[in-house]
N, C-alpha and C. Protein backbone atom coordinates (compact mmCIF):
# COMPACT_ATOMS: atom_id res chain seq x y z
N UNK A 1 136.62 101.82 96.70
CA UNK A 1 136.69 101.70 98.09
C UNK A 1 135.55 102.51 98.67
N UNK A 2 134.89 101.97 99.69
CA UNK A 2 133.86 102.61 100.48
C UNK A 2 134.38 103.71 101.30
N UNK A 3 134.01 104.96 101.29
CA UNK A 3 134.36 105.91 102.27
C UNK A 3 133.79 105.63 103.60
N UNK A 4 134.31 106.35 104.70
CA UNK A 4 133.65 106.20 106.03
C UNK A 4 132.24 106.85 106.07
N UNK A 5 132.03 107.89 105.30
CA UNK A 5 130.69 108.51 105.20
C UNK A 5 129.71 107.53 104.55
N UNK A 6 130.10 106.94 103.37
CA UNK A 6 129.22 105.92 102.80
C UNK A 6 128.95 104.76 103.61
N UNK A 7 129.97 104.24 104.28
CA UNK A 7 129.74 103.20 105.24
C UNK A 7 128.76 103.56 106.25
N UNK A 8 128.79 104.67 106.83
CA UNK A 8 127.94 105.10 107.96
C UNK A 8 126.50 105.27 107.31
N UNK A 9 126.33 105.78 106.16
CA UNK A 9 124.99 106.01 105.64
C UNK A 9 124.46 104.63 105.38
N UNK A 10 125.30 103.71 104.83
CA UNK A 10 124.70 102.32 104.54
C UNK A 10 124.42 101.60 105.80
N UNK A 11 125.12 101.82 106.94
CA UNK A 11 124.84 101.31 108.13
C UNK A 11 123.46 101.72 108.68
N UNK A 12 123.31 103.08 108.54
CA UNK A 12 121.99 103.64 108.93
C UNK A 12 120.82 103.09 108.14
N UNK A 13 121.03 102.86 106.88
CA UNK A 13 119.95 102.36 105.99
C UNK A 13 119.67 100.92 106.34
N UNK A 14 120.75 100.22 106.57
CA UNK A 14 120.51 98.65 106.86
C UNK A 14 120.13 98.39 108.17
N UNK A 15 120.03 99.37 109.11
CA UNK A 15 119.60 99.29 110.51
C UNK A 15 118.06 98.90 110.48
N UNK A 16 117.38 99.26 109.50
CA UNK A 16 115.96 98.99 109.30
C UNK A 16 115.68 97.92 108.39
N UNK A 17 114.97 96.88 108.94
CA UNK A 17 114.73 95.73 108.11
C UNK A 17 113.16 95.57 107.60
N UNK A 18 112.98 95.12 106.43
CA UNK A 18 111.74 94.91 105.89
C UNK A 18 111.20 93.40 106.17
N UNK A 19 109.97 93.24 106.49
CA UNK A 19 109.54 91.75 106.63
C UNK A 19 109.13 91.30 105.28
N UNK A 20 108.57 90.11 105.17
CA UNK A 20 108.22 89.50 103.83
C UNK A 20 107.18 90.29 103.15
N UNK A 21 106.23 90.74 103.71
CA UNK A 21 105.05 91.42 103.22
C UNK A 21 105.60 92.73 102.55
N UNK A 22 106.45 93.60 103.26
CA UNK A 22 106.96 94.76 102.71
C UNK A 22 107.85 94.46 101.59
N UNK A 23 108.74 93.45 101.66
CA UNK A 23 109.65 93.06 100.63
C UNK A 23 109.01 92.67 99.37
N UNK A 24 107.84 91.84 99.55
CA UNK A 24 107.06 91.54 98.47
C UNK A 24 106.44 92.66 97.66
N UNK A 25 105.97 93.63 98.44
CA UNK A 25 105.40 94.80 97.83
C UNK A 25 106.45 95.65 97.26
N UNK A 26 107.67 95.68 97.72
CA UNK A 26 108.79 96.41 97.03
C UNK A 26 109.08 95.68 95.76
N UNK A 27 109.16 94.38 95.65
CA UNK A 27 109.45 93.70 94.39
C UNK A 27 108.45 93.95 93.33
N UNK A 28 107.12 93.98 93.66
CA UNK A 28 106.10 94.33 92.79
C UNK A 28 106.15 95.71 92.35
N UNK A 29 106.54 96.59 93.27
CA UNK A 29 106.69 98.09 92.81
C UNK A 29 107.82 98.11 91.74
N UNK A 30 109.03 97.54 92.03
CA UNK A 30 110.05 97.64 91.10
C UNK A 30 109.74 97.09 89.77
N UNK A 31 109.02 95.97 89.71
CA UNK A 31 108.60 95.36 88.51
C UNK A 31 107.68 96.19 87.68
N UNK A 32 106.82 97.04 88.51
CA UNK A 32 105.84 97.86 87.77
C UNK A 32 106.54 99.39 87.40
N UNK A 33 107.85 99.50 87.87
CA UNK A 33 108.36 100.81 87.58
C UNK A 33 108.00 101.86 88.57
N UNK A 34 107.34 101.48 89.68
CA UNK A 34 106.92 102.32 90.80
C UNK A 34 107.90 102.23 91.90
N UNK A 35 109.11 102.91 91.75
CA UNK A 35 110.19 102.80 92.72
C UNK A 35 109.71 103.14 94.11
N UNK A 36 109.74 102.18 95.18
CA UNK A 36 109.25 102.47 96.44
C UNK A 36 110.23 103.21 97.33
N UNK A 37 109.90 103.79 98.36
CA UNK A 37 110.73 104.39 99.32
C UNK A 37 111.73 103.28 99.98
N UNK A 38 112.95 103.68 100.32
CA UNK A 38 113.89 102.80 100.85
C UNK A 38 113.53 102.46 102.28
N UNK A 39 114.12 101.43 102.85
CA UNK A 39 113.67 101.10 104.18
C UNK A 39 114.00 102.13 105.29
N UNK A 40 115.14 102.88 105.14
CA UNK A 40 115.35 103.93 106.14
C UNK A 40 114.31 105.05 106.12
N UNK A 41 113.88 105.34 104.86
CA UNK A 41 112.88 106.36 104.74
C UNK A 41 111.54 105.84 105.24
N UNK A 42 111.27 104.65 105.01
CA UNK A 42 110.03 104.00 105.47
C UNK A 42 109.89 103.97 106.99
N UNK A 43 111.02 103.60 107.53
CA UNK A 43 111.05 103.56 109.00
C UNK A 43 110.81 104.98 109.55
N UNK A 44 111.41 105.80 108.90
CA UNK A 44 111.18 107.25 109.44
C UNK A 44 109.71 107.65 109.34
N UNK A 45 109.02 107.30 108.25
CA UNK A 45 107.58 107.44 108.21
C UNK A 45 106.90 106.87 109.34
N UNK A 46 107.16 105.60 109.54
CA UNK A 46 106.46 104.91 110.63
C UNK A 46 106.71 105.69 111.96
N UNK A 47 108.00 106.09 112.16
CA UNK A 47 108.25 106.84 113.42
C UNK A 47 107.49 108.10 113.51
N UNK A 48 107.49 108.80 112.39
CA UNK A 48 106.80 110.11 112.48
C UNK A 48 105.27 109.95 112.68
N UNK A 49 104.63 109.01 111.97
CA UNK A 49 103.22 108.71 112.29
C UNK A 49 102.86 108.41 113.63
N UNK A 50 103.85 107.56 114.23
CA UNK A 50 103.73 107.29 115.64
C UNK A 50 103.87 108.45 116.46
N UNK A 51 104.82 109.38 116.25
CA UNK A 51 105.12 110.48 117.08
C UNK A 51 103.91 111.39 117.21
N UNK A 52 103.15 111.54 116.12
CA UNK A 52 102.09 112.42 116.05
C UNK A 52 100.75 111.73 116.37
N UNK A 53 100.78 110.43 116.69
CA UNK A 53 99.56 109.67 116.99
C UNK A 53 98.60 109.83 115.88
N UNK A 54 99.14 109.64 114.67
CA UNK A 54 98.29 109.94 113.39
C UNK A 54 97.12 109.09 113.31
N UNK A 55 95.98 109.71 113.09
CA UNK A 55 94.71 109.05 112.80
C UNK A 55 94.34 109.26 111.41
N UNK A 56 94.65 110.42 110.76
CA UNK A 56 94.30 110.70 109.36
C UNK A 56 95.43 111.10 108.62
N UNK A 57 95.84 110.34 107.68
CA UNK A 57 97.11 110.58 106.85
C UNK A 57 96.76 110.62 105.31
N UNK A 58 97.39 111.49 104.58
CA UNK A 58 97.28 111.63 103.21
C UNK A 58 98.54 111.26 102.52
N UNK A 59 98.48 110.33 101.60
CA UNK A 59 99.71 109.88 100.80
C UNK A 59 99.56 110.23 99.39
N UNK A 60 100.47 110.95 98.89
CA UNK A 60 100.52 111.33 97.42
C UNK A 60 101.46 110.44 96.74
N UNK A 61 100.93 109.51 95.98
CA UNK A 61 101.76 108.50 95.32
C UNK A 61 101.65 107.14 95.99
N UNK A 62 100.66 106.39 95.81
CA UNK A 62 100.41 105.07 96.45
C UNK A 62 101.60 104.13 95.98
N UNK A 63 101.95 104.25 94.75
CA UNK A 63 102.90 103.08 94.27
C UNK A 63 102.17 101.75 94.46
N UNK A 64 103.02 100.72 94.92
CA UNK A 64 102.46 99.31 95.14
C UNK A 64 102.35 99.07 96.66
N UNK A 65 102.37 100.21 97.48
CA UNK A 65 102.04 99.96 98.88
C UNK A 65 103.07 100.04 99.89
N UNK A 66 104.41 100.17 99.51
CA UNK A 66 105.43 99.95 100.49
C UNK A 66 105.32 101.11 101.53
N UNK A 67 105.21 102.46 101.05
CA UNK A 67 105.22 103.53 101.98
C UNK A 67 103.91 103.54 102.82
N UNK A 68 102.80 103.04 102.14
CA UNK A 68 101.57 102.91 102.75
C UNK A 68 101.61 101.96 104.15
N UNK A 69 102.41 100.84 103.88
CA UNK A 69 102.55 99.88 104.92
C UNK A 69 103.29 100.48 106.08
N UNK A 70 104.28 101.15 105.79
CA UNK A 70 105.14 101.85 106.82
C UNK A 70 104.25 102.87 107.52
N UNK A 71 103.47 103.59 106.79
CA UNK A 71 102.58 104.58 107.46
C UNK A 71 101.53 104.00 108.29
N UNK A 72 100.80 102.99 107.82
CA UNK A 72 99.80 102.28 108.58
C UNK A 72 100.26 101.70 109.85
N UNK A 73 101.54 101.16 109.80
CA UNK A 73 102.06 100.47 111.00
C UNK A 73 102.36 101.53 112.06
N UNK A 74 102.53 102.81 111.68
CA UNK A 74 102.87 103.83 112.72
C UNK A 74 101.57 104.47 113.19
N UNK A 75 100.50 104.46 112.42
CA UNK A 75 99.18 105.09 112.76
C UNK A 75 98.44 104.43 113.86
N UNK A 76 97.48 105.17 114.40
CA UNK A 76 96.56 104.62 115.33
C UNK A 76 95.81 103.42 114.72
N UNK A 77 95.35 102.55 115.55
CA UNK A 77 94.68 101.32 114.96
C UNK A 77 93.28 101.68 114.45
N UNK A 78 92.82 102.90 114.81
CA UNK A 78 91.54 103.34 114.20
C UNK A 78 91.79 104.39 113.12
N UNK A 79 92.96 104.52 112.67
CA UNK A 79 93.37 105.61 111.65
C UNK A 79 93.02 105.14 110.27
N UNK A 80 92.94 106.19 109.35
CA UNK A 80 92.66 105.90 107.95
C UNK A 80 93.70 106.58 107.09
N UNK A 81 94.21 105.87 106.23
CA UNK A 81 95.20 106.35 105.16
C UNK A 81 94.48 106.67 103.87
N UNK A 82 94.54 107.85 103.42
CA UNK A 82 93.89 108.40 102.11
C UNK A 82 95.14 108.45 101.27
N UNK A 83 95.11 107.68 100.24
CA UNK A 83 96.17 107.50 99.26
C UNK A 83 95.79 107.75 97.90
N UNK A 84 96.52 108.64 97.13
CA UNK A 84 96.19 109.17 95.83
C UNK A 84 97.24 108.66 94.80
N UNK A 85 96.74 108.23 93.62
CA UNK A 85 97.71 107.82 92.55
C UNK A 85 97.03 107.82 91.26
N UNK A 86 97.77 108.02 90.15
CA UNK A 86 97.12 108.14 88.87
C UNK A 86 97.03 106.77 88.21
N UNK A 87 97.71 105.67 88.85
CA UNK A 87 97.85 104.37 88.21
C UNK A 87 96.87 103.35 89.00
N UNK A 88 95.77 103.00 88.38
CA UNK A 88 94.83 102.04 89.02
C UNK A 88 95.47 100.75 89.32
N UNK A 89 96.38 100.27 88.40
CA UNK A 89 96.96 98.95 88.62
C UNK A 89 97.94 99.01 89.79
N UNK A 90 98.70 100.05 89.98
CA UNK A 90 99.48 100.24 91.24
C UNK A 90 98.66 100.18 92.43
N UNK A 91 97.59 100.89 92.43
CA UNK A 91 96.73 100.74 93.65
C UNK A 91 96.05 99.41 93.85
N UNK A 92 95.86 98.65 92.79
CA UNK A 92 95.38 97.27 92.96
C UNK A 92 96.39 96.50 93.71
N UNK A 93 97.58 96.63 93.25
CA UNK A 93 98.69 95.89 93.99
C UNK A 93 98.96 96.37 95.41
N UNK A 94 98.76 97.64 95.65
CA UNK A 94 98.85 98.24 96.99
C UNK A 94 97.79 97.62 97.85
N UNK A 95 96.52 97.56 97.34
CA UNK A 95 95.43 97.06 98.07
C UNK A 95 95.76 95.52 98.45
N UNK A 96 96.41 94.81 97.65
CA UNK A 96 96.84 93.36 97.83
C UNK A 96 97.83 93.39 99.09
N UNK A 97 98.80 94.30 98.94
CA UNK A 97 99.80 94.37 100.08
C UNK A 97 99.10 94.74 101.44
N UNK A 98 98.19 95.67 101.44
CA UNK A 98 97.54 96.03 102.68
C UNK A 98 96.78 94.88 103.25
N UNK A 99 96.10 94.11 102.38
CA UNK A 99 95.36 92.96 102.80
C UNK A 99 96.21 91.93 103.32
N UNK A 100 97.39 91.63 102.74
CA UNK A 100 98.26 90.69 103.23
C UNK A 100 98.91 91.02 104.57
N UNK A 101 99.01 92.40 104.88
CA UNK A 101 99.48 92.82 106.18
C UNK A 101 98.32 92.93 107.26
N UNK A 102 97.13 92.55 106.89
CA UNK A 102 95.99 92.52 107.75
C UNK A 102 95.31 93.73 108.05
N UNK A 103 95.50 94.74 107.10
CA UNK A 103 94.82 96.13 107.17
C UNK A 103 93.48 96.03 106.39
N UNK A 104 92.31 96.16 107.10
CA UNK A 104 91.06 95.98 106.44
C UNK A 104 90.79 97.14 105.57
N UNK A 105 89.84 97.03 104.68
CA UNK A 105 89.49 97.99 103.74
C UNK A 105 89.10 99.31 104.27
N UNK A 106 88.60 99.24 105.49
CA UNK A 106 88.21 100.50 106.17
C UNK A 106 89.37 101.33 106.67
N UNK A 107 90.54 100.79 106.70
CA UNK A 107 91.79 101.49 107.21
C UNK A 107 92.37 102.29 105.95
N UNK A 108 92.00 102.04 104.79
CA UNK A 108 92.66 102.55 103.57
C UNK A 108 91.62 103.15 102.53
N UNK A 109 91.64 104.35 102.16
CA UNK A 109 90.88 104.96 101.19
C UNK A 109 91.72 105.34 99.97
N UNK A 110 91.64 104.54 98.84
CA UNK A 110 92.42 104.67 97.71
C UNK A 110 91.64 105.50 96.67
N UNK A 111 92.21 106.55 96.21
CA UNK A 111 91.58 107.53 95.26
C UNK A 111 92.47 107.58 94.02
N UNK A 112 91.90 107.25 92.91
CA UNK A 112 92.55 107.17 91.68
C UNK A 112 92.45 108.55 91.00
N UNK A 113 93.54 109.31 90.69
CA UNK A 113 93.42 110.54 90.02
C UNK A 113 94.66 111.36 90.27
N UNK A 114 94.74 112.54 89.62
CA UNK A 114 95.80 113.39 89.85
C UNK A 114 95.80 114.06 91.23
N UNK A 115 96.93 114.09 91.89
CA UNK A 115 96.91 114.63 93.23
C UNK A 115 96.41 116.01 93.32
N UNK A 116 96.80 116.88 92.32
CA UNK A 116 96.38 118.23 92.42
C UNK A 116 94.91 118.47 92.01
N UNK A 117 94.25 117.40 91.49
CA UNK A 117 92.80 117.41 91.36
C UNK A 117 92.12 117.02 92.61
N UNK A 118 92.73 116.04 93.37
CA UNK A 118 92.14 115.35 94.44
C UNK A 118 92.34 116.20 95.74
N UNK A 119 93.54 116.66 95.99
CA UNK A 119 93.82 117.37 97.27
C UNK A 119 92.97 118.50 97.55
N UNK A 120 92.58 119.37 96.58
CA UNK A 120 91.61 120.53 96.96
C UNK A 120 90.38 120.09 97.54
N UNK A 121 89.90 118.90 97.34
CA UNK A 121 88.67 118.42 97.79
C UNK A 121 88.73 117.86 99.20
N UNK A 122 89.84 117.81 99.72
CA UNK A 122 90.03 117.35 101.21
C UNK A 122 90.01 118.50 102.15
N UNK A 123 89.60 118.08 103.37
CA UNK A 123 89.33 119.16 104.36
C UNK A 123 90.48 119.92 104.92
N UNK A 124 90.34 121.23 105.07
CA UNK A 124 91.32 122.05 105.78
C UNK A 124 91.55 121.56 107.11
N UNK A 125 92.91 121.49 107.52
CA UNK A 125 93.08 121.16 108.90
C UNK A 125 92.66 119.87 109.38
N UNK A 126 92.34 118.92 108.43
CA UNK A 126 91.80 117.63 108.84
C UNK A 126 92.70 116.41 109.01
N UNK A 127 94.00 116.76 108.79
CA UNK A 127 94.93 115.60 108.79
C UNK A 127 96.19 115.79 109.65
N UNK A 128 96.69 114.70 110.11
CA UNK A 128 97.78 114.66 111.11
C UNK A 128 99.10 114.58 110.27
N UNK A 129 99.07 114.03 109.09
CA UNK A 129 100.38 113.97 108.34
C UNK A 129 100.00 113.82 106.86
N UNK A 130 100.89 114.38 106.10
CA UNK A 130 100.87 114.26 104.58
C UNK A 130 102.22 113.79 104.12
N UNK A 131 102.16 112.84 103.33
CA UNK A 131 103.51 112.28 102.64
C UNK A 131 103.37 112.37 101.30
N UNK A 132 104.40 112.91 100.57
CA UNK A 132 104.50 113.14 99.17
C UNK A 132 105.61 112.41 98.48
N UNK A 133 105.26 111.56 97.50
CA UNK A 133 106.18 110.84 96.69
C UNK A 133 105.55 110.68 95.37
N UNK A 134 105.22 111.88 94.81
CA UNK A 134 104.56 111.88 93.47
C UNK A 134 105.48 112.53 92.52
N UNK A 135 104.84 113.32 91.49
CA UNK A 135 105.55 114.00 90.51
C UNK A 135 106.46 115.01 91.03
N UNK A 136 107.72 115.02 90.89
CA UNK A 136 108.69 115.92 91.46
C UNK A 136 108.25 117.37 91.13
N UNK A 137 108.00 117.67 89.82
CA UNK A 137 107.71 118.99 89.38
C UNK A 137 106.44 119.57 90.08
N UNK A 138 105.75 118.81 90.75
CA UNK A 138 104.54 119.29 91.44
C UNK A 138 104.76 119.44 92.97
N UNK A 139 105.94 119.15 93.43
CA UNK A 139 106.23 119.19 94.80
C UNK A 139 105.90 120.50 95.50
N UNK A 140 106.01 121.70 94.87
CA UNK A 140 105.81 122.98 95.45
C UNK A 140 104.33 123.05 95.67
N UNK A 141 103.55 122.58 94.77
CA UNK A 141 102.02 122.65 94.92
C UNK A 141 101.65 121.66 96.00
N UNK A 142 102.27 120.45 96.09
CA UNK A 142 102.03 119.65 97.19
C UNK A 142 102.14 120.25 98.50
N UNK A 143 103.26 120.96 98.66
CA UNK A 143 103.58 121.68 99.82
C UNK A 143 102.43 122.67 100.29
N UNK A 144 102.03 123.45 99.23
CA UNK A 144 100.97 124.38 99.63
C UNK A 144 99.67 123.69 100.11
N UNK A 145 99.27 122.59 99.38
CA UNK A 145 98.13 121.87 99.85
C UNK A 145 98.31 121.19 101.14
N UNK A 146 99.51 120.68 101.45
CA UNK A 146 99.79 119.95 102.67
C UNK A 146 99.62 120.93 103.81
N UNK A 147 100.18 122.19 103.73
CA UNK A 147 100.11 123.16 104.88
C UNK A 147 98.69 123.39 105.12
N UNK A 148 97.87 123.39 104.10
CA UNK A 148 96.37 123.68 104.26
C UNK A 148 95.68 122.52 104.97
N UNK A 149 96.13 121.26 104.56
CA UNK A 149 95.49 120.06 105.02
C UNK A 149 95.77 119.80 106.52
N UNK A 150 96.95 120.17 106.85
CA UNK A 150 97.50 119.73 108.21
C UNK A 150 96.90 120.52 109.30
N UNK A 151 96.63 119.90 110.42
CA UNK A 151 96.34 120.49 111.71
C UNK A 151 97.65 121.10 112.30
N UNK A 152 97.64 122.07 113.14
CA UNK A 152 98.77 122.43 113.86
C UNK A 152 99.39 121.29 114.59
N UNK A 153 100.65 121.02 114.46
CA UNK A 153 101.19 119.94 115.05
C UNK A 153 101.38 118.62 114.13
N UNK A 154 100.74 118.80 112.95
CA UNK A 154 100.86 117.71 111.89
C UNK A 154 102.20 117.95 111.11
N UNK A 155 102.44 116.78 110.47
CA UNK A 155 103.78 116.70 109.70
C UNK A 155 103.58 116.51 108.21
N UNK A 156 104.40 117.24 107.41
CA UNK A 156 104.46 116.98 106.07
C UNK A 156 105.83 116.38 105.69
N UNK A 157 105.83 115.32 104.89
CA UNK A 157 107.22 114.68 104.52
C UNK A 157 107.26 114.49 103.00
N UNK A 158 108.48 114.75 102.52
CA UNK A 158 108.69 114.60 101.06
C UNK A 158 109.81 113.61 100.87
N UNK A 159 109.62 112.61 100.05
CA UNK A 159 110.74 111.67 99.68
C UNK A 159 111.56 112.18 98.59
N UNK A 160 112.72 111.45 98.31
CA UNK A 160 113.60 111.92 97.23
C UNK A 160 114.22 113.30 97.27
N UNK A 161 114.38 113.87 98.48
CA UNK A 161 114.83 115.22 98.61
C UNK A 161 116.36 115.39 98.39
N UNK A 162 117.09 114.23 98.25
CA UNK A 162 118.46 114.26 97.84
C UNK A 162 118.65 113.84 96.45
N UNK A 163 117.60 113.25 95.91
CA UNK A 163 117.53 112.86 94.44
C UNK A 163 118.74 112.30 93.83
N UNK A 164 119.13 111.21 94.44
CA UNK A 164 120.27 110.38 93.87
C UNK A 164 121.53 111.18 93.87
N UNK A 165 121.76 111.95 94.99
CA UNK A 165 122.90 112.77 95.28
C UNK A 165 123.01 114.02 94.25
N UNK A 166 121.97 114.33 93.64
CA UNK A 166 122.00 115.33 92.66
C UNK A 166 121.72 116.85 93.31
N UNK A 167 120.88 116.78 94.34
CA UNK A 167 120.45 118.07 94.92
C UNK A 167 121.68 118.79 95.56
N UNK A 168 122.59 118.12 96.12
CA UNK A 168 123.67 118.54 96.91
C UNK A 168 124.77 119.05 95.85
N UNK A 169 124.69 118.76 94.58
CA UNK A 169 125.69 119.20 93.63
C UNK A 169 125.15 120.33 92.76
N UNK A 170 125.68 121.59 93.06
CA UNK A 170 125.21 122.79 92.27
C UNK A 170 125.31 122.75 90.89
N UNK A 171 126.09 121.75 90.39
CA UNK A 171 126.31 121.68 88.84
C UNK A 171 125.10 120.96 88.25
N UNK A 172 124.22 120.28 88.99
CA UNK A 172 123.17 119.64 88.50
C UNK A 172 121.98 120.56 88.42
N UNK A 173 121.45 120.74 87.09
CA UNK A 173 120.52 121.84 86.90
C UNK A 173 119.25 121.23 86.12
N UNK A 174 119.06 120.01 86.20
CA UNK A 174 117.88 119.44 85.46
C UNK A 174 116.64 119.94 86.27
N UNK A 175 115.48 119.94 85.50
CA UNK A 175 114.31 120.47 86.16
C UNK A 175 113.79 119.91 87.56
N UNK A 176 113.81 118.60 87.65
CA UNK A 176 113.57 117.95 88.95
C UNK A 176 114.48 118.44 90.04
N UNK A 177 115.77 118.33 89.80
CA UNK A 177 116.79 118.68 90.83
C UNK A 177 116.49 120.13 91.25
N UNK A 178 116.33 120.98 90.30
CA UNK A 178 116.10 122.43 90.64
C UNK A 178 114.78 122.54 91.47
N UNK A 179 113.79 121.88 91.02
CA UNK A 179 112.50 122.03 91.76
C UNK A 179 112.68 121.56 93.23
N UNK A 180 113.42 120.44 93.49
CA UNK A 180 113.52 119.85 94.82
C UNK A 180 114.39 120.93 95.65
N UNK A 181 115.40 121.49 95.15
CA UNK A 181 116.14 122.56 95.86
C UNK A 181 115.23 123.69 96.26
N UNK A 182 114.47 124.10 95.35
CA UNK A 182 113.38 125.18 95.61
C UNK A 182 112.46 124.87 96.72
N UNK A 183 111.93 123.60 96.69
CA UNK A 183 110.99 123.19 97.67
C UNK A 183 111.66 123.19 99.03
N UNK A 184 112.95 122.73 99.09
CA UNK A 184 113.56 122.82 100.33
C UNK A 184 113.75 124.20 100.93
N UNK A 185 113.99 125.10 100.02
CA UNK A 185 114.03 126.54 100.44
C UNK A 185 112.78 127.03 100.88
N UNK A 186 111.71 126.67 100.20
CA UNK A 186 110.26 127.08 100.56
C UNK A 186 109.93 126.61 101.94
N UNK A 187 110.28 125.38 102.13
CA UNK A 187 110.06 124.73 103.63
C UNK A 187 110.89 125.50 104.71
N UNK A 188 112.13 125.80 104.35
CA UNK A 188 113.00 126.56 105.33
C UNK A 188 112.51 127.87 105.66
N UNK A 189 111.99 128.66 104.59
CA UNK A 189 111.59 129.95 104.78
C UNK A 189 110.15 130.16 105.28
N UNK A 190 109.46 129.06 105.49
CA UNK A 190 108.00 129.27 105.88
C UNK A 190 107.88 129.23 107.40
N UNK A 191 107.49 130.32 107.94
CA UNK A 191 107.44 130.45 109.32
C UNK A 191 106.50 129.64 110.02
N UNK A 192 105.55 129.05 109.34
CA UNK A 192 104.58 128.11 109.85
C UNK A 192 105.20 126.65 110.05
N UNK A 193 106.34 126.45 109.56
CA UNK A 193 106.92 125.12 109.58
C UNK A 193 108.23 125.13 110.29
N UNK A 194 108.56 123.92 110.87
CA UNK A 194 109.89 123.63 111.49
C UNK A 194 110.41 122.27 110.87
N UNK A 195 111.54 122.25 110.24
CA UNK A 195 111.93 121.18 109.32
C UNK A 195 113.11 120.48 109.75
N UNK A 196 113.34 119.31 109.17
CA UNK A 196 114.51 118.47 109.26
C UNK A 196 114.65 117.72 108.04
N UNK A 197 116.06 117.75 107.43
CA UNK A 197 116.20 116.91 106.23
C UNK A 197 117.13 115.68 106.69
N UNK A 198 116.48 114.61 106.46
CA UNK A 198 117.22 113.29 106.96
C UNK A 198 117.81 112.50 105.78
N UNK A 199 119.18 112.20 105.89
CA UNK A 199 119.84 111.52 104.82
C UNK A 199 119.44 110.00 104.82
N UNK A 200 118.29 109.62 104.90
CA UNK A 200 117.86 108.30 105.00
C UNK A 200 117.32 107.94 103.62
N UNK A 201 117.55 106.79 103.10
CA UNK A 201 116.99 106.43 101.71
C UNK A 201 117.57 107.47 100.65
N UNK A 202 116.67 107.99 99.97
CA UNK A 202 117.05 109.04 98.93
C UNK A 202 116.71 110.50 99.51
N UNK A 203 116.71 110.57 100.81
CA UNK A 203 116.53 111.92 101.37
C UNK A 203 115.09 112.10 101.75
N UNK A 204 114.79 112.26 102.98
CA UNK A 204 113.43 112.52 103.47
C UNK A 204 113.37 113.98 104.24
N UNK A 205 112.59 114.86 103.63
CA UNK A 205 112.46 116.12 104.25
C UNK A 205 111.16 116.11 104.97
N UNK A 206 111.15 116.40 106.29
CA UNK A 206 109.95 116.53 107.12
C UNK A 206 109.94 117.83 107.80
N UNK A 207 108.63 118.40 108.00
CA UNK A 207 108.43 119.59 108.58
C UNK A 207 107.17 119.48 109.38
N UNK A 208 107.10 120.06 110.62
CA UNK A 208 105.98 120.09 111.55
C UNK A 208 105.35 121.46 111.38
N UNK A 209 104.07 121.55 111.22
CA UNK A 209 103.25 122.65 111.13
C UNK A 209 103.13 123.25 112.65
N UNK A 210 103.74 124.38 112.89
CA UNK A 210 103.69 125.09 114.23
C UNK A 210 102.68 126.20 114.32
N UNK A 211 102.12 126.55 113.19
CA UNK A 211 101.09 127.71 113.29
C UNK A 211 100.34 127.68 111.98
N UNK A 212 99.14 128.32 112.07
CA UNK A 212 98.33 128.34 110.87
C UNK A 212 98.82 129.56 110.01
């Protein structure tokens, strides 16, 4: 039997609908083993990108384009999404999704490589938003890079911060779960950030940079 809390969370998730383009990108991602952000989390990304009038966004983990589509739809029409992934085939499918959605090649810069090799080459304070959905064990390093990359007033967001209901269960001590808990604490304790953890999708942690 579904509990009231489960029903409420399901209602919040189903409040957001994917169109055919996003749905097709999701199906390709699932087929490739690149699990995409869920619709609630995607809608939150679109909302956040709109709220900060994002022109320059960094995405860590292109997947097959689902989160990129949500971000692009929230960004300014002259904005550029810089997306990093280690899988060229995933990025090829993401490029297909972006084209299907009408986003020109000039709106998206796809970089193939490890995020921690690519991010240090990007400009300090040059971005309005950073979204991370890459290797969980690297999340703490992504956070350090994101704070450097963001302008004051910019937002960093992390997907999977509830990690299939494991993060809230102290008995769960696998490395990824422990890392996600630690990242949450790092965000909370950083005086440069003001954060919120949203129980949408698999958990989206967002923080706005309030000081250098």
